[in-house]
């Protein structure tokens, strides 16, 4: 009995009726500051996502380099030695 009482009471009360909220686009159109703030937030989020993607790509490259560490280390040592010897020749 109480269930019926409360359900009837809340459903008939004018403040309890469900109304659809206004669409975000209509709210933004009516308030230029909100529109600009939303655009700025969107730009910041896009920059953060691009940074995250770049960071993950760098991590992937580091992982690949560490997997081939020995071969690259030998190559880099050879390259450094050649560059160093070229620098010695230029100085003399």
C-alpha atoms as a PDB file:
ATOM      1  CA  UNK A   1       0.000   0.000   0.000  1.00  0.00           C
ATOM      2  CA  UNK A   2       2.833   2.408   0.846  1.00  0.00           C
ATOM      3  CA  UNK A   3       4.523   1.601  -2.448  1.00  0.00           C
ATOM      4  CA  UNK A   4       1.445   2.737  -4.362  1.00  0.00           C
ATOM      5  CA  UNK A   5       1.166   5.837  -2.201  1.00  0.00           C
ATOM      6  CA  UNK A   6       4.745   6.906  -2.831  1.00  0.00           C
ATOM      7  CA  UNK A   7       4.761   6.068  -6.532  1.00  0.00           C
ATOM      8  CA  UNK A   8       1.532   7.991  -7.118  1.00  0.00           C
ATOM      9  CA  UNK A   9       2.724  10.881  -5.024  1.00  0.00           C
ATOM     10  CA  UNK A  10       6.078  11.265  -6.783  1.00  0.00           C
ATOM     11  CA  UNK A  11       4.760  10.723 -10.288  1.00  0.00           C
ATOM     12  CA  UNK A  12       1.994  13.314  -9.949  1.00  0.00           C
ATOM     13  CA  UNK A  13       4.197  15.974  -8.372  1.00  0.00           C
ATOM     14  CA  UNK A  14       5.105  18.570 -11.029  1.00  0.00           C
ATOM     15  CA  UNK A  15       8.723  18.882  -9.911  1.00  0.00           C
ATOM     16  CA  UNK A  16       9.223  15.127 -10.077  1.00  0.00           C
ATOM     17  CA  UNK A  17       8.183  14.723 -13.704  1.00  0.00           C
ATOM     18  CA  UNK A  18      11.010  13.794 -15.976  1.00  0.00           C
ATOM     19  CA  UNK A  19      11.932  16.461 -18.478  1.00  0.00           C
ATOM     20  CA  UNK A  20      14.571  16.003 -21.100  1.00  0.00           C
ATOM     21  CA  UNK A  21      17.613  18.168 -20.388  1.00  0.00           C
ATOM     22  CA  UNK A  22      18.436  20.796 -22.994  1.00  0.00           C
ATOM     23  CA  UNK A  23      20.790  19.695 -25.723  1.00  0.00           C
ATOM     24  CA  UNK A  24      24.416  20.661 -25.221  1.00  0.00           C
ATOM     25  CA  UNK A  25      24.529  22.332 -28.621  1.00  0.00           C
ATOM     26  CA  UNK A  26      21.646  24.646 -27.708  1.00  0.00           C
ATOM     27  CA  UNK A  27      23.286  25.537 -24.398  1.00  0.00           C
ATOM     28  CA  UNK A  28      26.597  26.278 -26.114  1.00  0.00           C
ATOM     29  CA  UNK A  29      24.886  28.318 -28.814  1.00  0.00           C
ATOM     30  CA  UNK A  30      23.229  30.489 -26.193  1.00  0.00           C
ATOM     31  CA  UNK A  31      26.460  31.129 -24.275  1.00  0.00           C
ATOM     32  CA  UNK A  32      29.553  32.094 -26.305  1.00  0.00           C
ATOM     33  CA  UNK A  33      31.878  31.775 -23.294  1.00  0.00           C
ATOM     34  CA  UNK A  34      30.793  28.167 -22.762  1.00  0.00           C
ATOM     35  CA  UNK A  35      31.319  27.466 -26.447  1.00  0.00           C
ATOM     36  CA  UNK A  36      34.845  28.913 -26.389  1.00  0.00           C
ATOM     37  CA  UNK A  37      35.673  27.066 -23.169  1.00  0.00           C
ATOM     38  CA  UNK A  38      34.472  23.804 -24.705  1.00  0.00           C
ATOM     39  CA  UNK A  39      36.603  24.406 -27.806  1.00  0.00           C
ATOM     40  CA  UNK A  40      39.661  25.084 -25.632  1.00  0.00           C
ATOM     41  CA  UNK A  41      39.038  21.954 -23.576  1.00  0.00           C
ATOM     42  CA  UNK A  42      38.727  19.971 -26.807  1.00  0.00           C
ATOM     43  CA  UNK A  43      42.067  21.370 -28.048  1.00  0.00           C
ATOM     44  CA  UNK A  44      43.801  20.512 -24.770  1.00  0.00           C
ATOM     45  CA  UNK A  45      42.412  16.975 -24.811  1.00  0.00           C
ATOM     46  CA  UNK A  46      43.553  16.505 -28.427  1.00  0.00           C
ATOM     47  CA  UNK A  47      47.056  17.745 -27.555  1.00  0.00           C
ATOM     48  CA  UNK A  48      47.208  15.382 -24.579  1.00  0.00           C
ATOM     49  CA  UNK A  49      46.139  12.464 -26.761  1.00  0.00           C
ATOM     50  CA  UNK A  50      48.751  13.335 -29.392  1.00  0.00           C
ATOM     51  CA  UNK A  51      51.407  13.558 -26.681  1.00  0.00           C
ATOM     52  CA  UNK A  52      50.330  10.198 -25.279  1.00  0.00           C
ATOM     53  CA  UNK A  53      50.453   8.592 -28.732  1.00  0.00           C
ATOM     54  CA  UNK A  54      53.943  10.024 -29.319  1.00  0.00           C
ATOM     55  CA  UNK A  55      55.061   8.808 -25.909  1.00  0.00           C
ATOM     56  CA  UNK A  56      53.776   5.302 -26.602  1.00  0.00           C
ATOM     57  CA  UNK A  57      55.491   5.292 -29.997  1.00  0.00           C
ATOM     58  CA  UNK A  58      58.754   6.298 -28.306  1.00  0.00           C
ATOM     59  CA  UNK A  59      58.356   3.518 -25.771  1.00  0.00           C
ATOM     60  CA  UNK A  60      57.771   1.061 -28.609  1.00  0.00           C
ATOM     61  CA  UNK A  61      60.979   2.251 -30.292  1.00  0.00           C
ATOM     62  CA  UNK A  62      62.927   1.934 -27.045  1.00  0.00           C
ATOM     63  CA  UNK A  63      61.582  -1.591 -26.607  1.00  0.00           C
ATOM     64  CA  UNK A  64      62.635  -2.524 -30.140  1.00  0.00           C
ATOM     65  CA  UNK A  65      66.076  -1.021 -29.584  1.00  0.00           C
ATOM     66  CA  UNK A  66      66.519  -2.862 -26.310  1.00  0.00           C
ATOM     67  CA  UNK A  67      65.521  -6.107 -28.014  1.00  0.00           C
ATOM     68  CA  UNK A  68      68.294  -5.548 -30.550  1.00  0.00           C
ATOM     69  CA  UNK A  69      70.615  -3.917 -28.036  1.00  0.00           C
ATOM     70  CA  UNK A  70      73.739  -5.895 -28.749  1.00  0.00           C
ATOM     71  CA  UNK A  71      73.716  -5.330 -32.509  1.00  0.00           C
ATOM     72  CA  UNK A  72      72.957  -1.657 -32.135  1.00  0.00           C
ATOM     73  CA  UNK A  73      75.544  -1.188 -29.420  1.00  0.00           C
ATOM     74  CA  UNK A  74      78.256  -2.623 -31.654  1.00  0.00           C
ATOM     75  CA  UNK A  75      77.065  -0.494 -34.567  1.00  0.00           C
ATOM     76  CA  UNK A  76      76.923   2.673 -32.450  1.00  0.00           C
ATOM     77  CA  UNK A  77      80.394   2.023 -31.036  1.00  0.00           C
ATOM     78  CA  UNK A  78      81.717   1.569 -34.576  1.00  0.00           C
ATOM     79  CA  UNK A  79      79.936   4.722 -35.740  1.00  0.00           C
ATOM     80  CA  UNK A  80      81.275   6.713 -32.785  1.00  0.00           C
ATOM     81  CA  UNK A  81      84.807   5.454 -33.422  1.00  0.00           C
ATOM     82  CA  UNK A  82      84.572   6.431 -37.093  1.00  0.00           C
ATOM     83  CA  UNK A  83      83.170   9.863 -36.233  1.00  0.00           C
ATOM     84  CA  UNK A  84      85.840  10.390 -33.601  1.00  0.00           C
ATOM     85  CA  UNK A  85      88.608   9.423 -36.019  1.00  0.00           C
ATOM     86  CA  UNK A  86      87.181  11.780 -38.661  1.00  0.00           C
ATOM     87  CA  UNK A  87      87.173  14.541 -36.046  1.00  0.00           C
ATOM     88  CA  UNK A  88      90.812  13.800 -35.270  1.00  0.00           C
ATOM     89  CA  UNK A  89      91.704  14.067 -38.968  1.00  0.00           C
ATOM     90  CA  UNK A  90      89.912  17.395 -39.338  1.00  0.00           C
ATOM     91  CA  UNK A  91      91.737  18.871 -36.338  1.00  0.00           C
ATOM     92  CA  UNK A  92      95.169  17.968 -37.769  1.00  0.00           C
END
